[in-house]
Amino acid sequence: MIESVTERSGAWKYAALSEIRKIASKNPGAMLLTEQLRAMVEPIIGAPPNDGRAWGGVMIKAMNLGLVENSLQKRGAVTSHGGQKTVWVMKKELPLISYSEQAKEFIKNCVRGQ
């Protein structure tokens, strides 16, 4: 279910991954909740275009790409009434991310708009 929501997010998910990569490279070892990353990323790229649950899929993709790691710790999230959520560790060694041409164009246009 979450994967289908994320897939419908189009180029936005690539922009989100790009911003997560920047945050991780500037804050290696930092332990953050998804809601904390959202608070840093959404002012730059905007909210997911179709569904806030797209962040779940983005975080799984970020983990699979090696940008973040599951700390196996949980912490209460303000945005979900204190519900226990995964604490992510920002990775020190970051792989290169291959973006589709559509995502590159989207990111280039976002940079022009700043």
PDB file of N, CA and C in Angstrom:
ATOM      1  N   MET A   1       0.820  -1.194   0.000  1.00  0.00           N
ATOM      2  CA  MET A   1       0.000   0.000   0.000  1.00  0.00           C
ATOM      3  C   MET A   1       0.866   1.262   0.000  1.00  0.00           C
ATOM      4  N   ILE A   2       1.830   1.344   0.931  1.00  0.00           N
ATOM      5  CA  ILE A   2       2.673   2.530   1.015  1.00  0.00           C
ATOM      6  C   ILE A   2       3.472   2.703  -0.266  1.00  0.00           C
ATOM      7  N   GLU A   3       3.970   1.602  -0.846  1.00  0.00           N
ATOM      8  CA  GLU A   3       4.734   1.709  -2.092  1.00  0.00           C
ATOM      9  C   GLU A   3       3.889   2.312  -3.202  1.00  0.00           C
ATOM     10  N   SER A   4       2.621   1.945  -3.290  1.00  0.00           N
ATOM     11  CA  SER A   4       1.784   2.492  -4.353  1.00  0.00           C
ATOM     12  C   SER A   4       1.540   3.979  -4.138  1.00  0.00           C
ATOM     13  N   VAL A   5       1.416   4.410  -2.875  1.00  0.00           N
ATOM     14  CA  VAL A   5       1.243   5.838  -2.579  1.00  0.00           C
ATOM     15  C   VAL A   5       2.494   6.592  -2.990  1.00  0.00           C
ATOM     16  N   THR A   6       3.666   6.047  -2.646  1.00  0.00           N
ATOM     17  CA  THR A   6       4.929   6.703  -2.978  1.00  0.00           C
ATOM     18  C   THR A   6       5.144   6.746  -4.483  1.00  0.00           C
ATOM     19  N   GLU A   7       4.828   5.662  -5.172  1.00  0.00           N
ATOM     20  CA  GLU A   7       5.007   5.631  -6.622  1.00  0.00           C
ATOM     21  C   GLU A   7       4.178   6.707  -7.312  1.00  0.00           C
ATOM     22  N   ARG A   8       2.993   7.013  -6.779  1.00  0.00           N
ATOM     23  CA  ARG A   8       2.148   8.051  -7.374  1.00  0.00           C
ATOM     24  C   ARG A   8       2.651   9.456  -7.054  1.00  0.00           C
ATOM     25  N   SER A   9       3.705   9.551  -6.243  1.00  0.00           N
ATOM     26  CA  SER A   9       4.243  10.864  -5.877  1.00  0.00           C
ATOM     27  C   SER A   9       5.159  11.431  -6.954  1.00  0.00           C
ATOM     28  N   GLY A  10       5.474  10.653  -7.963  1.00  0.00           N
ATOM     29  CA  GLY A  10       6.265  11.142  -9.083  1.00  0.00           C
ATOM     30  C   GLY A  10       7.628  11.670  -8.683  1.00  0.00           C
ATOM     31  N   ALA A  11       8.014  12.781  -9.305  1.00  0.00           N
ATOM     32  CA  ALA A  11       9.336  13.351  -9.088  1.00  0.00           C
ATOM     33  C   ALA A  11       9.512  13.878  -7.671  1.00  0.00           C
ATOM     34  N   TRP A  12       8.414  14.130  -6.965  1.00  0.00           N
ATOM     35  CA  TRP A  12       8.523  14.634  -5.597  1.00  0.00           C
ATOM     36  C   TRP A  12       9.367  13.711  -4.720  1.00  0.00           C
ATOM     37  N   LYS A  13       9.196  12.389  -4.884  1.00  0.00           N
ATOM     38  CA  LYS A  13       9.937  11.453  -4.039  1.00  0.00           C
ATOM     39  C   LYS A  13      11.437  11.567  -4.277  1.00  0.00           C
ATOM     40  N   TYR A  14      11.851  11.863  -5.513  1.00  0.00           N
ATOM     41  CA  TYR A  14      13.272  12.013  -5.796  1.00  0.00           C
ATOM     42  C   TYR A  14      13.816  13.296  -5.159  1.00  0.00           C
ATOM     43  N   ALA A  15      13.007  14.329  -5.162  1.00  0.00           N
ATOM     44  CA  ALA A  15      13.408  15.576  -4.504  1.00  0.00           C
ATOM     45  C   ALA A  15      13.532  15.337  -2.996  1.00  0.00           C
ATOM     46  N   ALA A  16      12.596  14.570  -2.418  1.00  0.00           N
ATOM     47  CA  ALA A  16      12.656  14.257  -0.990  1.00  0.00           C
ATOM     48  C   ALA A  16      13.922  13.463  -0.667  1.00  0.00           C
ATOM     49  N   LEU A  17      14.232  12.480  -1.484  1.00  0.00           N
ATOM     50  CA  LEU A  17      15.445  11.686  -1.269  1.00  0.00           C
ATOM     51  C   LEU A  17      16.700  12.545  -1.396  1.00  0.00           C
ATOM     52  N   SER A  18      16.694  13.470  -2.330  1.00  0.00           N
ATOM     53  CA  SER A  18      17.829  14.365  -2.492  1.00  0.00           C
ATOM     54  C   SER A  18      18.035  15.219  -1.243  1.00  0.00           C
ATOM     55  N   GLU A  19      16.959  15.723  -0.680  1.00  0.00           N
ATOM     56  CA  GLU A  19      17.059  16.542   0.534  1.00  0.00           C
ATOM     57  C   GLU A  19      17.492  15.700   1.738  1.00  0.00           C
ATOM     58  N   ILE A  20      16.995  14.467   1.830  1.00  0.00           N
ATOM     59  CA  ILE A  20      17.416  13.579   2.916  1.00  0.00           C
ATOM     60  C   ILE A  20      18.912  13.311   2.806  1.00  0.00           C
ATOM     61  N   ARG A  21      19.388  13.124   1.593  1.00  0.00           N
ATOM     62  CA  ARG A  21      20.819  12.893   1.375  1.00  0.00           C
ATOM     63  C   ARG A  21      21.631  14.093   1.862  1.00  0.00           C
ATOM     64  N   LYS A  22      21.176  15.292   1.572  1.00  0.00           N
ATOM     65  CA  LYS A  22      21.876  16.504   2.023  1.00  0.00           C
ATOM     66  C   LYS A  22      21.903  16.577   3.543  1.00  0.00           C
ATOM     67  N   ILE A  23      20.764  16.295   4.165  1.00  0.00           N
ATOM     68  CA  ILE A  23      20.678  16.340   5.630  1.00  0.00           C
ATOM     69  C   ILE A  23      21.613  15.307   6.242  1.00  0.00           C
ATOM     70  N   ALA A  24      21.603  14.096   5.694  1.00  0.00           N
ATOM     71  CA  ALA A  24      22.461  13.032   6.219  1.00  0.00           C
ATOM     72  C   ALA A  24      23.933  13.389   6.079  1.00  0.00           C
ATOM     73  N   SER A  25      24.313  13.976   4.943  1.00  0.00           N
ATOM     74  CA  SER A  25      25.725  14.311   4.737  1.00  0.00           C
ATOM     75  C   SER A  25      26.195  15.422   5.668  1.00  0.00           C
ATOM     76  N   LYS A  26      25.286  16.311   6.073  1.00  0.00           N
ATOM     77  CA  LYS A  26      25.644  17.398   6.982  1.00  0.00           C
ATOM     78  C   LYS A  26      25.525  16.993   8.452  1.00  0.00           C
ATOM     79  N   ASN A  27      24.814  15.891   8.718  1.00  0.00           N
ATOM     80  CA  ASN A  27      24.532  15.462  10.098  1.00  0.00           C
ATOM     81  C   ASN A  27      24.762  13.966  10.276  1.00  0.00           C
ATOM     82  N   PRO A  28      25.944  13.450   9.904  1.00  0.00           N
ATOM     83  CA  PRO A  28      26.148  12.002  10.029  1.00  0.00           C
ATOM     84  C   PRO A  28      25.998  11.550  11.470  1.00  0.00           C
ATOM     85  N   GLY A  29      25.301  10.449  11.645  1.00  0.00           N
ATOM     86  CA  GLY A  29      25.082   9.896  12.970  1.00  0.00           C
ATOM     87  C   GLY A  29      23.887  10.484  13.711  1.00  0.00           C
ATOM     88  N   ALA A  30      23.300  11.563  13.179  1.00  0.00           N
ATOM     89  CA  ALA A  30      22.124  12.162  13.832  1.00  0.00           C
ATOM     90  C   ALA A  30      20.987  11.149  13.840  1.00  0.00           C
ATOM     91  N   MET A  31      20.213  11.169  14.911  1.00  0.00           N
ATOM     92  CA  MET A  31      19.090  10.249  15.049  1.00  0.00           C
ATOM     93  C   MET A  31      17.810  11.061  14.972  1.00  0.00           C
ATOM     94  N   LEU A  32      17.035  10.837  13.906  1.00  0.00           N
ATOM     95  CA  LEU A  32      15.851  11.649  13.632  1.00  0.00           C
ATOM     96  C   LEU A  32      14.638  10.788  13.333  1.00  0.00           C
ATOM     97  N   LEU A  33      13.488  11.307  13.695  1.00  0.00           N
ATOM     98  CA  LEU A  33      12.216  10.713  13.297  1.00  0.00           C
ATOM     99  C   LEU A  33      11.856  11.223  11.907  1.00  0.00           C
ATOM    100  N   THR A  34      10.991  10.504  11.230  1.00  0.00           N
ATOM    101  CA  THR A  34      10.511  10.964   9.926  1.00  0.00           C
ATOM    102  C   THR A  34       9.869  12.342  10.049  1.00  0.00           C
ATOM    103  N   GLU A  35       9.118  12.591  11.121  1.00  0.00           N
ATOM    104  CA  GLU A  35       8.464  13.897  11.269  1.00  0.00           C
ATOM    105  C   GLU A  35       9.487  15.029  11.375  1.00  0.00           C
ATOM    106  N   GLN A  36      10.658  14.758  11.936  1.00  0.00           N
ATOM    107  CA  GLN A  36      11.697  15.782  12.006  1.00  0.00           C
ATOM    108  C   GLN A  36      12.280  16.056  10.616  1.00  0.00           C
ATOM    109  N   LEU A  37      12.477  14.987   9.843  1.00  0.00           N
ATOM    110  CA  LEU A  37      12.948  15.160   8.468  1.00  0.00           C
ATOM    111  C   LEU A  37      11.916  15.910   7.638  1.00  0.00           C
ATOM    112  N   ARG A  38      10.650  15.555   7.814  1.00  0.00           N
ATOM    113  CA  ARG A  38       9.568  16.254   7.093  1.00  0.00           C
ATOM    114  C   ARG A  38       9.618  17.750   7.371  1.00  0.00           C
ATOM    115  N   ALA A  39       9.818  18.106   8.634  1.00  0.00           N
ATOM    116  CA  ALA A  39       9.844  19.516   9.021  1.00  0.00           C
ATOM    117  C   ALA A  39      10.996  20.267   8.353  1.00  0.00           C
ATOM    118  N   MET A  40      12.069  19.560   8.040  1.00  0.00           N
ATOM    119  CA  MET A  40      13.212  20.183   7.365  1.00  0.00           C
ATOM    120  C   MET A  40      13.039  20.208   5.851  1.00  0.00           C
ATOM    121  N   VAL A  41      12.426  19.166   5.311  1.00  0.00           N
ATOM    122  CA  VAL A  41      12.355  18.985   3.854  1.00  0.00           C
ATOM    123  C   VAL A  41      11.149  19.676   3.222  1.00  0.00           C
ATOM    124  N   GLU A  42       9.986  19.574   3.821  1.00  0.00           N
ATOM    125  CA  GLU A  42       8.775  20.105   3.182  1.00  0.00           C
ATOM    126  C   GLU A  42       8.808  21.611   2.927  1.00  0.00           C
ATOM    127  N   PRO A  43       9.444  22.438   3.769  1.00  0.00           N
ATOM    128  CA  PRO A  43       9.527  23.861   3.408  1.00  0.00           C
ATOM    129  C   PRO A  43      10.324  24.110   2.116  1.00  0.00           C
ATOM    130  N   ILE A  44      11.177  23.159   1.767  1.00  0.00           N
ATOM    131  CA  ILE A  44      12.007  23.294   0.564  1.00  0.00           C
ATOM    132  C   ILE A  44      11.299  22.757  -0.672  1.00  0.00           C
ATOM    133  N   ILE A  45      10.708  21.554  -0.560  1.00  0.00           N
ATOM    134  CA  ILE A  45      10.120  20.907  -1.744  1.00  0.00           C
ATOM    135  C   ILE A  45       8.602  20.838  -1.722  1.00  0.00           C
ATOM    136  N   GLY A  46       8.011  21.176  -0.601  1.00  0.00           N
ATOM    137  CA  GLY A  46       6.553  21.089  -0.479  1.00  0.00           C
ATOM    138  C   GLY A  46       6.120  19.737   0.053  1.00  0.00           C
ATOM    139  N   ALA A  47       4.855  19.658   0.421  1.00  0.00           N
ATOM    140  CA  ALA A  47       4.284  18.410   0.932  1.00  0.00           C
ATOM    141  C   ALA A  47       4.105  17.416  -0.216  1.00  0.00           C
ATOM    142  N   PRO A  48       3.979  16.138   0.097  1.00  0.00           N
ATOM    143  CA  PRO A  48       3.716  15.162  -0.966  1.00  0.00           C
ATOM    144  C   PRO A  48       2.489  15.589  -1.766  1.00  0.00           C
ATOM    145  N   PRO A  49       2.538  15.450  -3.074  1.00  0.00           N
ATOM    146  CA  PRO A  49       1.452  15.939  -3.909  1.00  0.00           C
ATOM    147  C   PRO A  49       0.134  15.197  -3.766  1.00  0.00           C
ATOM    148  N   ASN A  50       0.170  13.967  -3.279  1.00  0.00           N
ATOM    149  CA  ASN A  50      -1.075  13.191  -3.253  1.00  0.00           C
ATOM    150  C   ASN A  50      -1.453  12.639  -1.890  1.00  0.00           C
ATOM    151  N   ASP A  51      -0.484  12.372  -1.007  1.00  0.00           N
ATOM    152  CA  ASP A  51      -0.808  11.673   0.226  1.00  0.00           C
ATOM    153  C   ASP A  51       0.381  11.756   1.180  1.00  0.00           C
ATOM    154  N   GLY A  52       0.156  12.195   2.404  1.00  0.00           N
ATOM    155  CA  GLY A  52       1.217  12.290   3.396  1.00  0.00           C
ATOM    156  C   GLY A  52       1.885  10.972   3.719  1.00  0.00           C
ATOM    157  N   ARG A  53       1.193   9.876   3.439  1.00  0.00           N
ATOM    158  CA  ARG A  53       1.796   8.556   3.684  1.00  0.00           C
ATOM    159  C   ARG A  53       2.959   8.263   2.747  1.00  0.00           C
ATOM    160  N   ALA A  54       3.132   9.086   1.744  1.00  0.00           N
ATOM    161  CA  ALA A  54       4.254   8.887   0.825  1.00  0.00           C
ATOM    162  C   ALA A  54       5.588   8.936   1.564  1.00  0.00           C
ATOM    163  N   TRP A  55       5.619   9.617   2.699  1.00  0.00           N
ATOM    164  CA  TRP A  55       6.861   9.681   3.482  1.00  0.00           C
ATOM    165  C   TRP A  55       7.297   8.307   3.954  1.00  0.00           C
ATOM    166  N   GLY A  56       6.381   7.406   4.256  1.00  0.00           N
ATOM    167  CA  GLY A  56       6.762   6.060   4.673  1.00  0.00           C
ATOM    168  C   GLY A  56       7.562   5.358   3.592  1.00  0.00           C
ATOM    169  N   GLY A  57       7.074   5.447   2.360  1.00  0.00           N
ATOM    170  CA  GLY A  57       7.781   4.835   1.237  1.00  0.00           C
ATOM    171  C   GLY A  57       9.110   5.509   0.958  1.00  0.00           C
ATOM    172  N   VAL A  58       9.159   6.825   1.131  1.00  0.00           N
ATOM    173  CA  VAL A  58      10.417   7.559   0.918  1.00  0.00           C
ATOM    174  C   VAL A  58      11.464   7.099   1.933  1.00  0.00           C
ATOM    175  N   MET A  59      11.052   6.914   3.177  1.00  0.00           N
ATOM    176  CA  MET A  59      12.015   6.491   4.199  1.00  0.00           C
ATOM    177  C   MET A  59      12.506   5.063   3.943  1.00  0.00           C
ATOM    178  N   ILE A  60      11.633   4.191   3.487  1.00  0.00           N
ATOM    179  CA  ILE A  60      12.073   2.828   3.144  1.00  0.00           C
ATOM    180  C   ILE A  60      13.071   2.889   1.989  1.00  0.00           C
ATOM    181  N   LYS A  61      12.774   3.715   0.990  1.00  0.00           N
ATOM    182  CA  LYS A  61      13.694   3.870  -0.145  1.00  0.00           C
ATOM    183  C   LYS A  61      15.016   4.452   0.327  1.00  0.00           C
ATOM    184  N   ALA A  62      14.980   5.453   1.217  1.00  0.00           N
ATOM    185  CA  ALA A  62      16.207   6.050   1.753  1.00  0.00           C
ATOM    186  C   ALA A  62      17.039   4.994   2.479  1.00  0.00           C
ATOM    187  N   MET A  63      16.370   4.108   3.213  1.00  0.00           N
ATOM    188  CA  MET A  63      17.080   3.029   3.905  1.00  0.00           C
ATOM    189  C   MET A  63      17.697   2.064   2.884  1.00  0.00           C
ATOM    190  N   ASN A  64      16.926   1.691   1.868  1.00  0.00           N
ATOM    191  CA  ASN A  64      17.439   0.768   0.850  1.00  0.00           C
ATOM    192  C   ASN A  64      18.600   1.357   0.064  1.00  0.00           C
ATOM    193  N   LEU A  65      18.617   2.686  -0.079  1.00  0.00           N
ATOM    194  CA  LEU A  65      19.715   3.358  -0.777  1.00  0.00           C
ATOM    195  C   LEU A  65      20.925   3.593   0.124  1.00  0.00           C
ATOM    196  N   GLY A  66      20.763   3.347   1.413  1.00  0.00           N
ATOM    197  CA  GLY A  66      21.872   3.533   2.340  1.00  0.00           C
ATOM    198  C   GLY A  66      22.019   4.948   2.868  1.00  0.00           C
ATOM    199  N   LEU A  67      20.987   5.769   2.704  1.00  0.00           N
ATOM    200  CA  LEU A  67      21.040   7.142   3.217  1.00  0.00           C
ATOM    201  C   LEU A  67      20.788   7.193   4.714  1.00  0.00           C
ATOM    202  N   VAL A  68      19.931   6.299   5.195  1.00  0.00           N
ATOM    203  CA  VAL A  68      19.592   6.224   6.614  1.00  0.00           C
ATOM    204  C   VAL A  68      19.613   4.752   7.036  1.00  0.00           C
ATOM    205  N   GLU A  69      19.646   4.562   8.332  1.00  0.00           N
ATOM    206  CA  GLU A  69      19.621   3.209   8.872  1.00  0.00           C
ATOM    207  C   GLU A  69      18.618   3.172  10.020  1.00  0.00           C
ATOM    208  N   ASN A  70      17.898   2.096  10.138  1.00  0.00           N
ATOM    209  CA  ASN A  70      16.953   1.917  11.238  1.00  0.00           C
ATOM    210  C   ASN A  70      17.766   1.685  12.510  1.00  0.00           C
ATOM    211  N   SER A  71      17.596   2.543  13.499  1.00  0.00           N
ATOM    212  CA  SER A  71      18.351   2.432  14.750  1.00  0.00           C
ATOM    213  C   SER A  71      17.821   1.318  15.644  1.00  0.00           C
ATOM    214  N   LEU A  72      16.664   0.772  15.301  1.00  0.00           N
ATOM    215  CA  LEU A  72      15.947  -0.217  16.105  1.00  0.00           C
ATOM    216  C   LEU A  72      15.425   0.390  17.407  1.00  0.00           C
ATOM    217  N   GLN A  73      15.425   1.715  17.468  1.00  0.00           N
ATOM    218  CA  GLN A  73      14.851   2.432  18.597  1.00  0.00           C
ATOM    219  C   GLN A  73      13.547   3.084  18.160  1.00  0.00           C
ATOM    220  N   LYS A  74      12.691   3.337  19.108  1.00  0.00           N
ATOM    221  CA  LYS A  74      11.422   4.018  18.849  1.00  0.00           C
ATOM    222  C   LYS A  74      11.356   5.253  19.741  1.00  0.00           C
ATOM    223  N   ARG A  75      10.630   6.255  19.259  1.00  0.00           N
ATOM    224  CA  ARG A  75      10.418   7.478  20.022  1.00  0.00           C
ATOM    225  C   ARG A  75       9.027   7.988  19.716  1.00  0.00           C
ATOM    226  N   GLY A  76       8.401   8.613  20.683  1.00  0.00           N
ATOM    227  CA  GLY A  76       7.074   9.172  20.479  1.00  0.00           C
ATOM    228  C   GLY A  76       7.103  10.320  19.492  1.00  0.00           C
ATOM    229  N   ALA A  77       6.177  10.311  18.554  1.00  0.00           N
ATOM    230  CA  ALA A  77       6.093  11.353  17.532  1.00  0.00           C
ATOM    231  C   ALA A  77       4.955  12.306  17.867  1.00  0.00           C
ATOM    232  N   VAL A  78       5.263  13.589  17.867  1.00  0.00           N
ATOM    233  CA  VAL A  78       4.270  14.616  18.181  1.00  0.00           C
ATOM    234  C   VAL A  78       3.120  14.572  17.193  1.00  0.00           C
ATOM    235  N   THR A  79       3.423  14.354  15.917  1.00  0.00           N
ATOM    236  CA  THR A  79       2.400  14.403  14.874  1.00  0.00           C
ATOM    237  C   THR A  79       1.459  13.199  14.876  1.00  0.00           C
ATOM    238  N   SER A  80       1.767  12.199  15.689  1.00  0.00           N
ATOM    239  CA  SER A  80       0.860  11.044  15.769  1.00  0.00           C
ATOM    240  C   SER A  80       0.505  10.746  17.223  1.00  0.00           C
ATOM    241  N   HIS A  81       0.243  11.808  17.966  1.00  0.00           N
ATOM    242  CA  HIS A  81      -0.234  11.699  19.353  1.00  0.00           C
ATOM    243  C   HIS A  81       0.674  10.848  20.227  1.00  0.00           C
ATOM    244  N   GLY A  82       1.979  10.987  20.024  1.00  0.00           N
ATOM    245  CA  GLY A  82       2.947  10.256  20.846  1.00  0.00           C
ATOM    246  C   GLY A  82       3.169   8.822  20.445  1.00  0.00           C
ATOM    247  N   GLY A  83       2.589   8.418  19.315  1.00  0.00           N
ATOM    248  CA  GLY A  83       2.784   7.046  18.847  1.00  0.00           C
ATOM    249  C   GLY A  83       4.259   6.753  18.613  1.00  0.00           C
ATOM    250  N   GLN A  84       4.684   5.570  18.944  1.00  0.00           N
ATOM    251  CA  GLN A  84       6.084   5.182  18.803  1.00  0.00           C
ATOM    252  C   GLN A  84       6.448   4.995  17.333  1.00  0.00           C
ATOM    253  N   LYS A  85       7.497   5.707  16.916  1.00  0.00           N
ATOM    254  CA  LYS A  85       7.931   5.685  15.516  1.00  0.00           C
ATOM    255  C   LYS A  85       9.418   5.349  15.436  1.00  0.00           C
ATOM    256  N   THR A  86       9.843   4.880  14.287  1.00  0.00           N
ATOM    257  CA  THR A  86      11.234   4.516  14.050  1.00  0.00           C
ATOM    258  C   THR A  86      12.140   5.731  14.152  1.00  0.00           C
ATOM    259  N   VAL A  87      13.273   5.531  14.826  1.00  0.00           N
ATOM    260  CA  VAL A  87      14.322   6.545  14.869  1.00  0.00           C
ATOM    261  C   VAL A  87      15.346   6.143  13.802  1.00  0.00           C
ATOM    262  N   TRP A  88      15.597   7.062  12.879  1.00  0.00           N
ATOM    263  CA  TRP A  88      16.527   6.819  11.772  1.00  0.00           C
ATOM    264  C   TRP A  88      17.881   7.429  12.092  1.00  0.00           C
ATOM    265  N   VAL A  89      18.942   6.722  11.724  1.00  0.00           N
ATOM    266  CA  VAL A  89      20.302   7.232  11.877  1.00  0.00           C
ATOM    267  C   VAL A  89      20.764   7.707  10.508  1.00  0.00           C
ATOM    268  N   MET A  90      21.207   8.958  10.442  1.00  0.00           N
ATOM    269  CA  MET A  90      21.742   9.491   9.192  1.00  0.00           C
ATOM    270  C   MET A  90      23.098   8.824   8.941  1.00  0.00           C
ATOM    271  N   LYS A  91      23.275   8.293   7.745  1.00  0.00           N
ATOM    272  CA  LYS A  91      24.479   7.524   7.424  1.00  0.00           C
ATOM    273  C   LYS A  91      25.656   8.434   7.107  1.00  0.00           C
ATOM    274  N   LYS A  92      26.839   7.985   7.498  1.00  0.00           N
ATOM    275  CA  LYS A  92      28.060   8.755   7.270  1.00  0.00           C
ATOM    276  C   LYS A  92      28.560   8.618   5.839  1.00  0.00           C
ATOM    277  N   GLU A  93      28.567   7.408   5.330  1.00  0.00           N
ATOM    278  CA  GLU A  93      29.024   7.184   3.962  1.00  0.00           C
ATOM    279  C   GLU A  93      27.813   7.103   3.062  1.00  0.00           C
ATOM    280  N   LEU A  94      27.746   8.047   2.126  1.00  0.00           N
ATOM    281  CA  LEU A  94      26.546   8.138   1.302  1.00  0.00           C
ATOM    282  C   LEU A  94      26.827   7.680  -0.128  1.00  0.00           C
ATOM    283  N   PRO A  95      25.972   6.823  -0.640  1.00  0.00           N
ATOM    284  CA  PRO A  95      26.111   6.397  -2.033  1.00  0.00           C
ATOM    285  C   PRO A  95      25.582   7.476  -2.971  1.00  0.00           C
ATOM    286  N   LEU A  96      25.975   7.381  -4.207  1.00  0.00           N
ATOM    287  CA  LEU A  96      25.393   8.251  -5.221  1.00  0.00           C
ATOM    288  C   LEU A  96      24.000   7.753  -5.537  1.00  0.00           C
ATOM    289  N   ILE A  97      23.105   8.676  -5.815  1.00  0.00           N
ATOM    290  CA  ILE A  97      21.741   8.310  -6.176  1.00  0.00           C
ATOM    291  C   ILE A  97      21.559   8.576  -7.660  1.00  0.00           C
ATOM    292  N   SER A  98      21.042   7.603  -8.373  1.00  0.00           N
ATOM    293  CA  SER A  98      20.731   7.794  -9.781  1.00  0.00           C
ATOM    294  C   SER A  98      19.302   8.270  -9.903  1.00  0.00           C
ATOM    295  N   TYR A  99      19.112   9.402 -10.536  1.00  0.00           N
ATOM    296  CA  TYR A  99      17.777   9.961 -10.712  1.00  0.00           C
ATOM    297  C   TYR A  99      17.334   9.785 -12.155  1.00  0.00           C
ATOM    298  N   SER A 100      16.050   9.629 -12.331  1.00  0.00           N
ATOM    299  CA  SER A 100      15.523   9.577 -13.681  1.00  0.00           C
ATOM    300  C   SER A 100      15.615  10.970 -14.285  1.00  0.00           C
ATOM    301  N   GLU A 101      15.514  11.063 -15.576  1.00  0.00           N
ATOM    302  CA  GLU A 101      15.568  12.367 -16.255  1.00  0.00           C
ATOM    303  C   GLU A 101      14.438  13.273 -15.784  1.00  0.00           C
ATOM    304  N   GLN A 102      13.284  12.710 -15.534  1.00  0.00           N
ATOM    305  CA  GLN A 102      12.146  13.494 -15.051  1.00  0.00           C
ATOM    306  C   GLN A 102      12.475  14.128 -13.702  1.00  0.00           C
ATOM    307  N   ALA A 103      13.088  13.357 -12.816  1.00  0.00           N
ATOM    308  CA  ALA A 103      13.435  13.877 -11.492  1.00  0.00           C
ATOM    309  C   ALA A 103      14.514  14.948 -11.598  1.00  0.00           C
ATOM    310  N   LYS A 104      15.498  14.740 -12.469  1.00  0.00           N
ATOM    311  CA  LYS A 104      16.544  15.746 -12.649  1.00  0.00           C
ATOM    312  C   LYS A 104      15.941  17.066 -13.118  1.00  0.00           C
ATOM    313  N   GLU A 105      15.012  16.994 -14.049  1.00  0.00           N
ATOM    314  CA  GLU A 105      14.358  18.197 -14.559  1.00  0.00           C
ATOM    315  C   GLU A 105      13.555  18.882 -13.449  1.00  0.00           C
ATOM    316  N   PHE A 106      12.839  18.099 -12.654  1.00  0.00           N
ATOM    317  CA  PHE A 106      12.057  18.644 -11.536  1.00  0.00           C
ATOM    318  C   PHE A 106      12.974  19.379 -10.554  1.00  0.00           C
ATOM    319  N   ILE A 107      14.082  18.742 -10.180  1.00  0.00           N
ATOM    320  CA  ILE A 107      15.007  19.348  -9.222  1.00  0.00           C
ATOM    321  C   ILE A 107      15.647  20.602  -9.816  1.00  0.00           C
ATOM    322  N   LYS A 108      16.003  20.552 -11.079  1.00  0.00           N
ATOM    323  CA  LYS A 108      16.596  21.716 -11.740  1.00  0.00           C
ATOM    324  C   LYS A 108      15.611  22.886 -11.726  1.00  0.00           C
ATOM    325  N   ASN A 109      14.348  22.629 -11.985  1.00  0.00           N
ATOM    326  CA  ASN A 109      13.335  23.673 -11.958  1.00  0.00           C
ATOM    327  C   ASN A 109      13.118  24.225 -10.557  1.00  0.00           C
ATOM    328  N   CYS A 110      13.207  23.364  -9.543  1.00  0.00           N
ATOM    329  CA  CYS A 110      13.074  23.833  -8.164  1.00  0.00           C
ATOM    330  C   CYS A 110      14.212  24.776  -7.802  1.00  0.00           C
ATOM    331  N   VAL A 111      15.418  24.452  -8.251  1.00  0.00           N
ATOM    332  CA  VAL A 111      16.580  25.292  -7.963  1.00  0.00           C
ATOM    333  C   VAL A 111      16.421  26.642  -8.663  1.00  0.00           C
ATOM    334  N   ARG A 112      15.940  26.650  -9.887  1.00  0.00           N
ATOM    335  CA  ARG A 112      15.721  27.902 -10.612  1.00  0.00           C
ATOM    336  C   ARG A 112      14.707  28.795  -9.895  1.00  0.00           C
ATOM    337  N   GLY A 113      13.718  28.165  -9.276  1.00  0.00           N
ATOM    338  CA  GLY A 113      12.653  28.914  -8.617  1.00  0.00           C
ATOM    339  C   GLY A 113      13.078  29.567  -7.313  1.00  0.00           C
ATOM    340  N   GLN A 114      14.254  29.199  -6.781  1.00  0.00           N
ATOM    341  CA  GLN A 114      14.691  29.744  -5.487  1.00  0.00           C
ATOM    342  C   GLN A 114      15.287  31.108  -5.634  1.00  0.00           C
TER     343      GLN A 114
END
